[in-house]
Amino acid sequence: MLACARPYPILCTREKQSETYVAATACFGEGPKGVTMHKARILLVDDEEMFVEMLAERLEARGLEVVKAFDGDQALEKIREGDLDVVILDVLMPGKDGIDTLREIKNLKPLTEVIMLTGHATVQTAIEGMKLGAYDYLLKPTETKDLLEKIQGAYKRKSEHEERIRQAEIERITRSKSW
């Protein structure tokens, strides 16, 4: 069960013997001195609206903040509007497909991690997605536990990249100030 305090944006404790532990580790990054903080923001993109609604409910029940889009253009609009951590993106959609959407997401926000999700996988599509910067590729239907583990890994990778950038900026500033 998640129990939250407020000294930081969101702090949570975890029970290790439950599915809540998996969800909590998927949706929260490590803060100062190992304190868990920051609710991950997930964008779900799929043209199957019932699938999106059902998956959003499952992820929200596990503590994730979910934003929904039903095609590639809506997804790009959401990416431009807000700071999202992980995108779960269907490959086959009418209009702008998942591969084209992935390409544009990576151009707009290179650190945003993308998990490709499809019921119509081909090895070639998976390879193309990975070459374009997708974090991983899952087949529909997927177990919620497996998806949460992928989200956790993607979120961790994004957080690590952001931290390296912050550290490099701090180092650049301190060198320029001759401290």
Protein backbone atom coordinates (compact mmCIF):
# COMPACT_ATOMS: atom_id res chain seq x y z
CA MET A 1 0.00 0.00 0.00
CA LEU A 2 1.34 3.47 -0.84
CA ALA A 3 1.59 5.95 2.02
CA CYS A 4 2.59 9.49 1.11
CA ALA A 5 4.19 12.41 2.97
CA ARG A 6 4.72 15.92 1.58
CA PRO A 7 8.24 17.37 2.23
CA TYR A 8 9.07 16.63 -1.42
CA PRO A 9 6.61 16.68 -4.37
CA ILE A 10 5.55 13.09 -3.66
CA LEU A 11 7.20 10.68 -1.23
CA CYS A 12 6.07 7.11 -0.87
CA THR A 13 6.89 3.97 1.09
CA ARG A 14 6.49 0.53 -0.47
CA GLU A 15 5.47 -2.92 0.66
CA LYS A 16 7.72 -5.40 -1.11
CA GLN A 17 5.48 -8.46 -1.03
CA SER A 18 2.68 -7.06 -3.19
CA GLU A 19 1.93 -5.96 -6.72
CA THR A 20 1.86 -2.44 -5.28
CA TYR A 21 5.63 -2.69 -4.82
CA VAL A 22 6.11 -3.41 -8.53
CA ALA A 23 3.78 -0.54 -9.42
CA ALA A 24 5.43 1.86 -6.98
CA THR A 25 8.88 1.12 -8.30
CA ALA A 26 7.53 1.56 -11.83
CA CYS A 27 6.01 4.95 -11.23
CA PHE A 28 8.44 6.68 -8.90
CA GLY A 29 12.06 7.68 -9.35
CA GLU A 30 14.69 7.84 -6.68
CA GLY A 31 15.07 11.22 -5.01
CA PRO A 32 17.59 12.62 -2.52
CA LYS A 33 19.39 9.92 -0.50
CA GLY A 34 17.21 7.15 -1.93
CA VAL A 35 13.91 8.89 -1.12
CA THR A 36 11.29 7.90 -3.63
CA MET A 37 9.63 10.82 -5.45
CA HIS A 38 8.02 12.18 -8.66
CA LYS A 39 4.99 10.51 -10.10
CA ALA A 40 5.79 9.30 -13.62
CA ARG A 41 3.63 10.72 -16.42
CA ILE A 42 2.66 8.17 -19.06
CA LEU A 43 1.14 8.82 -22.50
CA LEU A 44 -0.97 5.97 -23.91
CA VAL A 45 -1.41 6.09 -27.69
CA ASP A 46 -3.69 3.64 -29.51
CA ASP A 47 -6.57 3.96 -31.96
CA GLU A 48 -8.54 1.34 -30.01
CA GLU A 49 -10.28 3.63 -27.50
CA MET A 50 -11.63 0.82 -25.29
CA PHE A 51 -8.12 -0.63 -24.99
CA VAL A 52 -6.70 2.78 -24.00
CA GLU A 53 -9.43 3.36 -21.40
CA MET A 54 -8.96 -0.10 -19.87
CA LEU A 55 -5.17 0.14 -19.75
CA ALA A 56 -5.34 3.69 -18.36
CA GLU A 57 -7.54 2.45 -15.51
CA ARG A 58 -5.07 -0.33 -14.71
CA LEU A 59 -2.09 2.01 -14.69
CA GLU A 60 -3.86 4.74 -12.71
CA ALA A 61 -4.91 2.14 -10.13
CA ARG A 62 -1.20 1.45 -9.65
CA GLY A 63 -0.29 5.10 -9.08
CA LEU A 64 0.74 6.28 -12.53
CA GLU A 65 -0.49 9.54 -14.04
CA VAL A 66 -1.89 8.73 -17.49
CA VAL A 67 -2.56 10.98 -20.48
CA LYS A 68 -4.46 9.48 -23.44
CA ALA A 69 -4.24 9.98 -27.21
CA PHE A 70 -6.04 8.06 -29.93
CA ASP A 71 -3.79 8.73 -32.93
CA GLY A 72 -0.30 9.90 -33.79
CA ASP A 73 -1.22 13.55 -34.26
CA GLN A 74 -2.96 13.72 -30.86
CA ALA A 75 0.09 12.09 -29.30
CA LEU A 76 2.41 14.72 -30.76
CA GLU A 77 0.09 17.47 -29.51
CA LYS A 78 0.26 15.99 -25.98
CA ILE A 79 4.05 15.70 -26.22
CA ARG A 80 4.30 19.40 -27.15
CA GLU A 81 1.91 20.44 -24.35
CA GLY A 82 3.48 18.70 -21.38
CA ASP A 83 6.39 16.98 -19.80
CA LEU A 84 5.80 13.25 -20.24
CA ASP A 85 8.19 10.56 -19.10
CA VAL A 86 7.18 7.43 -21.02
CA VAL A 87 5.01 6.88 -24.10
CA ILE A 88 3.27 3.56 -24.72
CA LEU A 89 2.71 3.66 -28.46
CA ASP A 90 0.73 1.36 -30.74
CA VAL A 91 2.50 0.57 -34.00
CA LEU A 92 -0.47 0.15 -36.35
CA MET A 93 -2.81 3.15 -36.36
CA PRO A 94 -4.70 4.91 -39.13
CA GLY A 95 -3.07 8.10 -40.37
CA LYS A 96 0.31 8.58 -38.75
CA ASP A 97 1.51 5.12 -37.71
CA GLY A 98 3.58 4.33 -34.62
CA ILE A 99 6.94 4.38 -36.41
CA ASP A 100 6.34 7.88 -37.86
CA THR A 101 5.01 9.06 -34.50
CA LEU A 102 8.07 7.63 -32.72
CA ARG A 103 10.37 9.45 -35.14
CA GLU A 104 8.63 12.78 -34.41
CA ILE A 105 8.53 12.20 -30.63
CA LYS A 106 12.28 11.64 -30.61
CA ASN A 107 12.79 14.84 -32.66
CA LEU A 108 10.62 16.87 -30.27
CA LYS A 109 11.69 15.35 -26.93
CA PRO A 110 14.69 13.04 -27.32
CA LEU A 111 14.75 12.01 -23.64
CA THR A 112 11.13 10.83 -23.60
CA GLU A 113 11.20 7.04 -23.62
CA VAL A 114 8.86 5.11 -25.92
CA ILE A 115 7.61 1.55 -25.51
CA MET A 116 6.16 0.18 -28.74
CA LEU A 117 3.05 -1.97 -28.27
CA THR A 118 1.33 -3.96 -30.99
CA GLY A 119 -0.75 -7.00 -31.77
CA HIS A 120 0.69 -7.17 -35.30
CA ALA A 121 4.42 -7.42 -34.75
CA THR A 122 7.01 -8.08 -37.35
CA VAL A 123 10.70 -8.40 -36.66
CA GLN A 124 11.41 -5.63 -39.19
CA THR A 125 9.07 -3.19 -37.41
CA ALA A 126 10.65 -4.00 -34.04
CA ILE A 127 14.15 -3.43 -35.44
CA GLU A 128 13.10 -0.15 -37.07
CA GLY A 129 11.52 1.08 -33.83
CA MET A 130 14.62 0.22 -31.81
CA LYS A 131 16.87 1.97 -34.35
CA LEU A 132 14.72 5.09 -34.00
CA GLY A 133 15.17 5.08 -30.23
CA ALA A 134 12.28 3.03 -28.82
CA TYR A 135 13.08 1.74 -25.34
CA ASP A 136 11.44 -1.62 -25.99
CA TYR A 137 8.76 -3.50 -27.88
CA LEU A 138 5.85 -5.51 -26.41
CA LEU A 139 3.16 -7.67 -28.00
CA LYS A 140 -0.55 -7.24 -27.24
CA PRO A 141 -1.99 -8.56 -25.13
CA THR A 142 0.67 -8.06 -22.49
CA GLU A 143 0.56 -8.74 -18.79
CA THR A 144 0.21 -5.57 -16.70
CA LYS A 145 3.18 -6.71 -14.59
CA ASP A 146 5.40 -6.95 -17.71
CA LEU A 147 4.30 -3.52 -18.91
CA LEU A 148 4.96 -2.00 -15.47
CA GLU A 149 8.47 -3.47 -15.50
CA LYS A 150 9.13 -1.90 -18.92
CA ILE A 151 7.74 1.44 -17.71
CA GLN A 152 10.02 1.25 -14.68
CA GLY A 153 13.07 0.62 -16.85
CA ALA A 154 12.16 3.36 -19.32
CA TYR A 155 11.49 5.86 -16.55
CA LYS A 156 14.77 4.99 -14.84
CA ARG A 157 16.71 5.45 -18.08
CA LYS A 158 15.10 8.86 -18.69
CA SER A 159 15.83 9.94 -15.12
CA GLU A 160 19.47 8.86 -15.42
CA HIS A 161 19.90 10.82 -18.67
CA GLU A 162 18.37 13.91 -17.08
CA GLU A 163 20.64 13.60 -14.05
CA ARG A 164 23.75 13.32 -16.25
CA ILE A 165 22.67 16.47 -18.09
CA ARG A 166 22.12 18.34 -14.78
CA GLN A 167 25.54 17.24 -13.50
CA ALA A 168 27.24 18.34 -16.73
CA GLU A 169 25.51 21.73 -16.51
CA ILE A 170 26.59 22.15 -12.87
CA GLU A 171 30.15 21.27 -13.82
CA ARG A 172 30.10 23.73 -16.74
CA ILE A 173 28.80 26.53 -14.49
CA THR A 174 31.30 25.88 -11.71
CA ARG A 175 34.19 25.83 -14.20
CA SER A 176 33.08 29.10 -15.78
CA LYS A 177 32.85 30.75 -12.33
CA SER A 178 36.34 29.45 -11.41
CA TRP A 179 35.18 28.05 -8.06
